């Protein structure tokens, strides 16, 4: 499987997007390399470096980055669904 997508429609259902600087803290969690999808072009958030991960990673986001980051990630992904 190619782990890079250029269009948001290519991101599988059940995935959320997170900016690259935030996701760096998740790289050491087992399974990251297998689950991560790199987002470029129209798949990126606000043209910033972005990755997509399955929703099962939300607990890791909260554990590694805190509740505020988890909330932010949920809001930014919901905003896309509404637009």
PDB file of N, CA and C in Angstrom:
ATOM      1  N   UNK A   1       0.843  -1.196   0.000  1.00  0.00           N
ATOM      2  CA  UNK A   1       0.000   0.000   0.000  1.00  0.00           C
ATOM      3  C   UNK A   1       0.875   1.241   0.000  1.00  0.00           C
ATOM      4  N   UNK A   2       0.558   2.192  -0.888  1.00  0.00           N
ATOM      5  CA  UNK A   2       1.271   3.462  -0.902  1.00  0.00           C
ATOM      6  C   UNK A   2       0.791   4.282   0.280  1.00  0.00           C
ATOM      7  N   UNK A   3       1.704   4.779   1.069  1.00  0.00           N
ATOM      8  CA  UNK A   3       1.345   5.496   2.286  1.00  0.00           C
ATOM      9  C   UNK A   3       1.310   7.005   2.097  1.00  0.00           C
ATOM     10  N   UNK A   4       1.050   7.461   0.878  1.00  0.00           N
ATOM     11  CA  UNK A   4       0.924   8.893   0.601  1.00  0.00           C
ATOM     12  C   UNK A   4      -0.342   9.127  -0.211  1.00  0.00           C
ATOM     13  N   UNK A   5      -1.120  10.127   0.191  1.00  0.00           N
ATOM     14  CA  UNK A   5      -2.316  10.508  -0.561  1.00  0.00           C
ATOM     15  C   UNK A   5      -2.270  12.000  -0.856  1.00  0.00           C
ATOM     16  N   UNK A   6      -2.821  12.384  -1.999  1.00  0.00           N
ATOM     17  CA  UNK A   6      -2.820  13.785  -2.403  1.00  0.00           C
ATOM     18  C   UNK A   6      -4.206  14.420  -2.334  1.00  0.00           C
ATOM     19  N   UNK A   7      -5.233  13.609  -2.255  1.00  0.00           N
ATOM     20  CA  UNK A   7      -6.608  14.117  -2.200  1.00  0.00           C
ATOM     21  C   UNK A   7      -7.277  13.601  -0.943  1.00  0.00           C
ATOM     22  N   UNK A   8      -8.047  14.437  -0.314  1.00  0.00           N
ATOM     23  CA  UNK A   8      -8.689  14.054   0.940  1.00  0.00           C
ATOM     24  C   UNK A   8      -9.613  12.854   0.762  1.00  0.00           C
ATOM     25  N   UNK A   9     -10.172  12.709  -0.423  1.00  0.00           N
ATOM     26  CA  UNK A   9     -11.059  11.578  -0.689  1.00  0.00           C
ATOM     27  C   UNK A   9     -10.329  10.240  -0.645  1.00  0.00           C
ATOM     28  N   UNK A  10      -9.012  10.266  -0.777  1.00  0.00           N
ATOM     29  CA  UNK A  10      -8.214   9.041  -0.762  1.00  0.00           C
ATOM     30  C   UNK A  10      -7.941   8.522   0.654  1.00  0.00           C
ATOM     31  N   UNK A  11      -8.188   9.343   1.657  1.00  0.00           N
ATOM     32  CA  UNK A  11      -7.970   8.908   3.037  1.00  0.00           C
ATOM     33  C   UNK A  11      -9.090   7.933   3.393  1.00  0.00           C
ATOM     34  N   UNK A  12      -8.738   6.737   3.847  1.00  0.00           N
ATOM     35  CA  UNK A  12      -9.774   5.744   4.147  1.00  0.00           C
ATOM     36  C   UNK A  12     -10.703   6.210   5.271  1.00  0.00           C
ATOM     37  N   UNK A  13     -11.930   5.715   5.250  1.00  0.00           N
ATOM     38  CA  UNK A  13     -12.850   5.973   6.350  1.00  0.00           C
ATOM     39  C   UNK A  13     -12.210   5.452   7.634  1.00  0.00           C
ATOM     40  N   UNK A  14     -12.494   6.126   8.727  1.00  0.00           N
ATOM     41  CA  UNK A  14     -11.951   5.688  10.009  1.00  0.00           C
ATOM     42  C   UNK A  14     -10.593   6.269  10.334  1.00  0.00           C
ATOM     43  N   UNK A  15     -10.122   7.217   9.523  1.00  0.00           N
ATOM     44  CA  UNK A  15      -8.842   7.876   9.768  1.00  0.00           C
ATOM     45  C   UNK A  15      -9.086   9.340  10.132  1.00  0.00           C
ATOM     46  N   UNK A  16      -8.185   9.905  10.909  1.00  0.00           N
ATOM     47  CA  UNK A  16      -8.206  11.343  11.198  1.00  0.00           C
ATOM     48  C   UNK A  16      -6.871  11.929  10.767  1.00  0.00           C
ATOM     49  N   UNK A  17      -6.860  13.233  10.560  1.00  0.00           N
ATOM     50  CA  UNK A  17      -5.620  13.922  10.166  1.00  0.00           C
ATOM     51  C   UNK A  17      -5.059  14.697  11.345  1.00  0.00           C
ATOM     52  N   UNK A  18      -3.738  14.792  11.371  1.00  0.00           N
ATOM     53  CA  UNK A  18      -3.038  15.531  12.418  1.00  0.00           C
ATOM     54  C   UNK A  18      -1.788  16.145  11.791  1.00  0.00           C
ATOM     55  N   UNK A  19      -1.452  17.362  12.229  1.00  0.00           N
ATOM     56  CA  UNK A  19      -0.260  18.031  11.701  1.00  0.00           C
ATOM     57  C   UNK A  19       0.998  17.244  12.042  1.00  0.00           C
ATOM     58  N   UNK A  20       1.977  17.309  11.167  1.00  0.00           N
ATOM     59  CA  UNK A  20       3.229  16.578  11.330  1.00  0.00           C
ATOM     60  C   UNK A  20       3.962  16.921  12.638  1.00  0.00           C
ATOM     61  N   UNK A  21       4.156  18.171  13.007  1.00  0.00           N
ATOM     62  CA  UNK A  21       4.915  18.395  14.252  1.00  0.00           C
ATOM     63  C   UNK A  21       4.288  17.701  15.459  1.00  0.00           C
ATOM     64  N   UNK A  22       2.970  17.676  15.533  1.00  0.00           N
ATOM     65  CA  UNK A  22       2.297  17.010  16.643  1.00  0.00           C
ATOM     66  C   UNK A  22       2.455  15.496  16.539  1.00  0.00           C
ATOM     67  N   UNK A  23       2.377  14.981  15.338  1.00  0.00           N
ATOM     68  CA  UNK A  23       2.421  13.532  15.171  1.00  0.00           C
ATOM     69  C   UNK A  23       3.812  12.957  15.415  1.00  0.00           C
ATOM     70  N   UNK A  24       4.845  13.788  15.407  1.00  0.00           N
ATOM     71  CA  UNK A  24       6.202  13.290  15.653  1.00  0.00           C
ATOM     72  C   UNK A  24       6.299  12.573  16.992  1.00  0.00           C
ATOM     73  N   UNK A  25       5.556  13.019  17.971  1.00  0.00           N
ATOM     74  CA  UNK A  25       5.602  12.401  19.294  1.00  0.00           C
ATOM     75  C   UNK A  25       4.967  11.012  19.287  1.00  0.00           C
ATOM     76  N   UNK A  26       4.241  10.683  18.240  1.00  0.00           N
ATOM     77  CA  UNK A  26       3.590   9.382  18.152  1.00  0.00           C
ATOM     78  C   UNK A  26       4.445   8.354  17.418  1.00  0.00           C
ATOM     79  N   UNK A  27       5.523   8.790  16.803  1.00  0.00           N
ATOM     80  CA  UNK A  27       6.313   7.921  15.933  1.00  0.00           C
ATOM     81  C   UNK A  27       6.902   6.704  16.652  1.00  0.00           C
ATOM     82  N   UNK A  28       7.137   6.803  17.936  1.00  0.00           N
ATOM     83  CA  UNK A  28       7.729   5.690  18.675  1.00  0.00           C
ATOM     84  C   UNK A  28       6.694   4.703  19.202  1.00  0.00           C
ATOM     85  N   UNK A  29       5.419   5.009  19.029  1.00  0.00           N
ATOM     86  CA  UNK A  29       4.363   4.097  19.471  1.00  0.00           C
ATOM     87  C   UNK A  29       4.308   2.919  18.490  1.00  0.00           C
ATOM     88  N   UNK A  30       4.334   1.691  19.007  1.00  0.00           N
ATOM     89  CA  UNK A  30       4.292   0.532  18.104  1.00  0.00           C
ATOM     90  C   UNK A  30       3.088   0.583  17.161  1.00  0.00           C
ATOM     91  N   UNK A  31       3.343   0.275  15.894  1.00  0.00           N
ATOM     92  CA  UNK A  31       2.293   0.252  14.885  1.00  0.00           C
ATOM     93  C   UNK A  31       2.191   1.525  14.064  1.00  0.00           C
ATOM     94  N   UNK A  32       2.921   2.576  14.460  1.00  0.00           N
ATOM     95  CA  UNK A  32       2.835   3.858  13.752  1.00  0.00           C
ATOM     96  C   UNK A  32       3.167   3.694  12.271  1.00  0.00           C
ATOM     97  N   UNK A  33       4.307   3.085  11.980  1.00  0.00           N
ATOM     98  CA  UNK A  33       4.745   2.966  10.586  1.00  0.00           C
ATOM     99  C   UNK A  33       3.752   2.177   9.736  1.00  0.00           C
ATOM    100  N   UNK A  34       3.093   1.215  10.333  1.00  0.00           N
ATOM    101  CA  UNK A  34       2.131   0.403   9.590  1.00  0.00           C
ATOM    102  C   UNK A  34       0.834   1.163   9.320  1.00  0.00           C
ATOM    103  N   UNK A  35       0.457   2.063  10.217  1.00  0.00           N
ATOM    104  CA  UNK A  35      -0.839   2.744  10.127  1.00  0.00           C
ATOM    105  C   UNK A  35      -0.786   4.123   9.483  1.00  0.00           C
ATOM    106  N   UNK A  36       0.352   4.794   9.498  1.00  0.00           N
ATOM    107  CA  UNK A  36       0.430   6.192   9.068  1.00  0.00           C
ATOM    108  C   UNK A  36       0.250   6.333   7.561  1.00  0.00           C
ATOM    109  N   UNK A  37      -0.464   7.397   7.182  1.00  0.00           N
ATOM    110  CA  UNK A  37      -0.604   7.805   5.783  1.00  0.00           C
ATOM    111  C   UNK A  37      -0.147   9.260   5.713  1.00  0.00           C
ATOM    112  N   UNK A  38       0.786   9.550   4.832  1.00  0.00           N
ATOM    113  CA  UNK A  38       1.277  10.915   4.662  1.00  0.00           C
ATOM    114  C   UNK A  38       0.347  11.660   3.706  1.00  0.00           C
ATOM    115  N   UNK A  39      -0.064  12.844   4.108  1.00  0.00           N
ATOM    116  CA  UNK A  39      -1.027  13.637   3.337  1.00  0.00           C
ATOM    117  C   UNK A  39      -0.319  14.821   2.692  1.00  0.00           C
ATOM    118  N   UNK A  40      -0.476  14.969   1.394  1.00  0.00           N
ATOM    119  CA  UNK A  40       0.108  16.086   0.664  1.00  0.00           C
ATOM    120  C   UNK A  40      -0.994  16.758  -0.144  1.00  0.00           C
ATOM    121  N   UNK A  41      -0.697  17.925  -0.676  1.00  0.00           N
ATOM    122  CA  UNK A  41      -1.658  18.628  -1.528  1.00  0.00           C
ATOM    123  C   UNK A  41      -2.987  18.845  -0.850  1.00  0.00           C
ATOM    124  N   UNK A  42      -4.056  18.443  -1.510  1.00  0.00           N
ATOM    125  CA  UNK A  42      -5.411  18.646  -1.010  1.00  0.00           C
ATOM    126  C   UNK A  42      -5.759  17.811   0.201  1.00  0.00           C
ATOM    127  N   UNK A  43      -4.952  16.826   0.519  1.00  0.00           N
ATOM    128  CA  UNK A  43      -5.209  15.997   1.697  1.00  0.00           C
ATOM    129  C   UNK A  43      -4.614  16.606   2.968  1.00  0.00           C
ATOM    130  N   UNK A  44      -3.708  17.560   2.814  1.00  0.00           N
ATOM    131  CA  UNK A  44      -3.071  18.191   3.967  1.00  0.00           C
ATOM    132  C   UNK A  44      -4.008  19.222   4.604  1.00  0.00           C
ATOM    133  N   UNK A  45      -3.799  19.474   5.889  1.00  0.00           N
ATOM    134  CA  UNK A  45      -4.582  20.487   6.600  1.00  0.00           C
ATOM    135  C   UNK A  45      -3.911  21.839   6.376  1.00  0.00           C
ATOM    136  N   UNK A  46      -4.618  22.759   5.780  1.00  0.00           N
ATOM    137  CA  UNK A  46      -4.116  24.118   5.570  1.00  0.00           C
ATOM    138  C   UNK A  46      -2.729  24.138   4.928  1.00  0.00           C
ATOM    139  N   UNK A  47      -2.481  23.194   4.022  1.00  0.00           N
ATOM    140  CA  UNK A  47      -1.223  23.100   3.289  1.00  0.00           C
ATOM    141  C   UNK A  47      -0.014  22.884   4.191  1.00  0.00           C
ATOM    142  N   UNK A  48      -0.215  22.423   5.416  1.00  0.00           N
ATOM    143  CA  UNK A  48       0.884  22.106   6.326  1.00  0.00           C
ATOM    144  C   UNK A  48       1.158  20.615   6.272  1.00  0.00           C
ATOM    145  N   UNK A  49       2.347  20.214   6.669  1.00  0.00           N
ATOM    146  CA  UNK A  49       2.667  18.789   6.703  1.00  0.00           C
ATOM    147  C   UNK A  49       1.673  18.078   7.606  1.00  0.00           C
ATOM    148  N   UNK A  50       1.066  17.034   7.071  1.00  0.00           N
ATOM    149  CA  UNK A  50      -0.039  16.353   7.744  1.00  0.00           C
ATOM    150  C   UNK A  50       0.101  14.850   7.551  1.00  0.00           C
ATOM    151  N   UNK A  51      -0.318  14.096   8.560  1.00  0.00           N
ATOM    152  CA  UNK A  51      -0.441  12.650   8.407  1.00  0.00           C
ATOM    153  C   UNK A  51      -1.851  12.255   8.823  1.00  0.00           C
ATOM    154  N   UNK A  52      -2.253  11.055   8.406  1.00  0.00           N
ATOM    155  CA  UNK A  52      -3.544  10.501   8.814  1.00  0.00           C
ATOM    156  C   UNK A  52      -3.283   9.191   9.549  1.00  0.00           C
ATOM    157  N   UNK A  53      -4.064   8.968  10.596  1.00  0.00           N
ATOM    158  CA  UNK A  53      -3.958   7.754  11.398  1.00  0.00           C
ATOM    159  C   UNK A  53      -5.358   7.226  11.681  1.00  0.00           C
ATOM    160  N   UNK A  54      -5.503   5.930  11.919  1.00  0.00           N
ATOM    161  CA  UNK A  54      -6.814   5.380  12.277  1.00  0.00           C
ATOM    162  C   UNK A  54      -7.296   5.957  13.607  1.00  0.00           C
ATOM    163  N   UNK A  55      -8.618   6.037  13.790  1.00  0.00           N
ATOM    164  CA  UNK A  55      -9.188   6.596  15.013  1.00  0.00           C
ATOM    165  C   UNK A  55      -8.737   5.860  16.267  1.00  0.00           C
ATOM    166  N   UNK A  56      -8.306   4.605  16.136  1.00  0.00           N
ATOM    167  CA  UNK A  56      -7.800   3.884  17.312  1.00  0.00           C
ATOM    168  C   UNK A  56      -6.600   4.590  17.934  1.00  0.00           C
ATOM    169  N   UNK A  57      -6.002   5.519  17.224  1.00  0.00           N
ATOM    170  CA  UNK A  57      -4.856   6.278  17.722  1.00  0.00           C
ATOM    171  C   UNK A  57      -5.255   7.468  18.598  1.00  0.00           C
ATOM    172  N   UNK A  58      -6.536   7.774  18.713  1.00  0.00           N
ATOM    173  CA  UNK A  58      -6.961   8.923  19.511  1.00  0.00           C
ATOM    174  C   UNK A  58      -6.509   8.806  20.971  1.00  0.00           C
ATOM    175  N   UNK A  59      -6.532   7.610  21.540  1.00  0.00           N
ATOM    176  CA  UNK A  59      -6.062   7.444  22.918  1.00  0.00           C
ATOM    177  C   UNK A  59      -4.583   7.763  23.017  1.00  0.00           C
ATOM    178  N   UNK A  60      -3.798   7.361  22.013  1.00  0.00           N
ATOM    179  CA  UNK A  60      -2.368   7.677  22.005  1.00  0.00           C
ATOM    180  C   UNK A  60      -2.149   9.178  21.859  1.00  0.00           C
ATOM    181  N   UNK A  61      -2.989   9.835  21.055  1.00  0.00           N
ATOM    182  CA  UNK A  61      -2.891  11.296  20.912  1.00  0.00           C
ATOM    183  C   UNK A  61      -3.090  11.954  22.273  1.00  0.00           C
ATOM    184  N   UNK A  62      -4.135  11.539  22.984  1.00  0.00           N
ATOM    185  CA  UNK A  62      -4.398  12.132  24.303  1.00  0.00           C
ATOM    186  C   UNK A  62      -3.270  11.818  25.276  1.00  0.00           C
ATOM    187  N   UNK A  63      -2.795  10.589  25.272  1.00  0.00           N
ATOM    188  CA  UNK A  63      -1.741  10.181  26.205  1.00  0.00           C
ATOM    189  C   UNK A  63      -0.428  10.921  25.933  1.00  0.00           C
ATOM    190  N   UNK A  64      -0.053  11.032  24.670  1.00  0.00           N
ATOM    191  CA  UNK A  64       1.231  11.645  24.311  1.00  0.00           C
ATOM    192  C   UNK A  64       1.172  13.174  24.209  1.00  0.00           C
ATOM    193  N   UNK A  65       0.026  13.699  23.796  1.00  0.00           N
ATOM    194  CA  UNK A  65      -0.068  15.127  23.496  1.00  0.00           C
ATOM    195  C   UNK A  65      -1.065  15.889  24.360  1.00  0.00           C
ATOM    196  N   UNK A  66      -1.902  15.187  25.105  1.00  0.00           N
ATOM    197  CA  UNK A  66      -2.847  15.839  26.002  1.00  0.00           C
ATOM    198  C   UNK A  66      -4.253  15.950  25.443  1.00  0.00           C
ATOM    199  N   UNK A  67      -5.180  16.240  26.362  1.00  0.00           N
ATOM    200  CA  UNK A  67      -6.596  16.330  25.990  1.00  0.00           C
ATOM    201  C   UNK A  67      -6.883  17.480  25.036  1.00  0.00           C
ATOM    202  N   UNK A  68      -6.183  18.600  25.194  1.00  0.00           N
ATOM    203  CA  UNK A  68      -6.433  19.744  24.314  1.00  0.00           C
ATOM    204  C   UNK A  68      -6.094  19.399  22.865  1.00  0.00           C
ATOM    205  N   UNK A  69      -5.007  18.671  22.678  1.00  0.00           N
ATOM    206  CA  UNK A  69      -4.634  18.273  21.316  1.00  0.00           C
ATOM    207  C   UNK A  69      -5.652  17.298  20.758  1.00  0.00           C
ATOM    208  N   UNK A  70      -6.100  16.352  21.579  1.00  0.00           N
ATOM    209  CA  UNK A  70      -7.119  15.400  21.114  1.00  0.00           C
ATOM    210  C   UNK A  70      -8.368  16.158  20.676  1.00  0.00           C
ATOM    211  N   UNK A  71      -8.799  17.120  21.481  1.00  0.00           N
ATOM    212  CA  UNK A  71      -9.979  17.910  21.144  1.00  0.00           C
ATOM    213  C   UNK A  71      -9.748  18.679  19.841  1.00  0.00           C
ATOM    214  N   UNK A  72      -8.588  19.300  19.707  1.00  0.00           N
ATOM    215  CA  UNK A  72      -8.259  20.046  18.487  1.00  0.00           C
ATOM    216  C   UNK A  72      -8.321  19.142  17.254  1.00  0.00           C
ATOM    217  N   UNK A  73      -7.724  17.954  17.365  1.00  0.00           N
ATOM    218  CA  UNK A  73      -7.723  17.015  16.243  1.00  0.00           C
ATOM    219  C   UNK A  73      -9.156  16.625  15.876  1.00  0.00           C
ATOM    220  N   UNK A  74      -9.995  16.388  16.870  1.00  0.00           N
ATOM    221  CA  UNK A  74     -11.381  16.029  16.599  1.00  0.00           C
ATOM    222  C   UNK A  74     -12.116  17.173  15.904  1.00  0.00           C
ATOM    223  N   UNK A  75     -11.885  18.395  16.356  1.00  0.00           N
ATOM    224  CA  UNK A  75     -12.560  19.560  15.775  1.00  0.00           C
ATOM    225  C   UNK A  75     -12.093  19.794  14.343  1.00  0.00           C
ATOM    226  N   UNK A  76     -10.780  19.745  14.089  1.00  0.00           N
ATOM    227  CA  UNK A  76     -10.274  20.023  12.748  1.00  0.00           C
ATOM    228  C   UNK A  76     -10.776  18.971  11.755  1.00  0.00           C
ATOM    229  N   UNK A  77     -10.930  17.745  12.197  1.00  0.00           N
ATOM    230  CA  UNK A  77     -11.433  16.697  11.316  1.00  0.00           C
ATOM    231  C   UNK A  77     -12.937  16.796  11.117  1.00  0.00           C
ATOM    232  N   UNK A  78     -13.655  17.201  12.129  1.00  0.00           N
ATOM    233  CA  UNK A  78     -15.098  17.397  11.999  1.00  0.00           C
ATOM    234  C   UNK A  78     -15.381  18.568  11.075  1.00  0.00           C
ATOM    235  N   UNK A  79     -14.577  19.624  11.179  1.00  0.00           N
ATOM    236  CA  UNK A  79     -14.742  20.803  10.343  1.00  0.00           C
ATOM    237  C   UNK A  79     -14.665  20.402   8.866  1.00  0.00           C
ATOM    238  N   UNK A  80     -13.760  19.507   8.523  1.00  0.00           N
ATOM    239  CA  UNK A  80     -13.663  19.051   7.136  1.00  0.00           C
ATOM    240  C   UNK A  80     -14.947  18.358   6.704  1.00  0.00           C
ATOM    241  N   UNK A  81     -15.504  17.536   7.564  1.00  0.00           N
ATOM    242  CA  UNK A  81     -16.725  16.802   7.216  1.00  0.00           C
ATOM    243  C   UNK A  81     -17.906  17.739   6.997  1.00  0.00           C
ATOM    244  N   UNK A  82     -17.898  18.878   7.689  1.00  0.00           N
ATOM    245  CA  UNK A  82     -19.004  19.819   7.580  1.00  0.00           C
ATOM    246  C   UNK A  82     -18.885  20.690   6.327  1.00  0.00           C
ATOM    247  N   UNK A  83     -17.670  20.867   5.832  1.00  0.00           N
ATOM    248  CA  UNK A  83     -17.457  21.750   4.660  1.00  0.00           C
ATOM    249  C   UNK A  83     -17.740  21.052   3.371  1.00  0.00           C
TER     250      UNK A  83
END
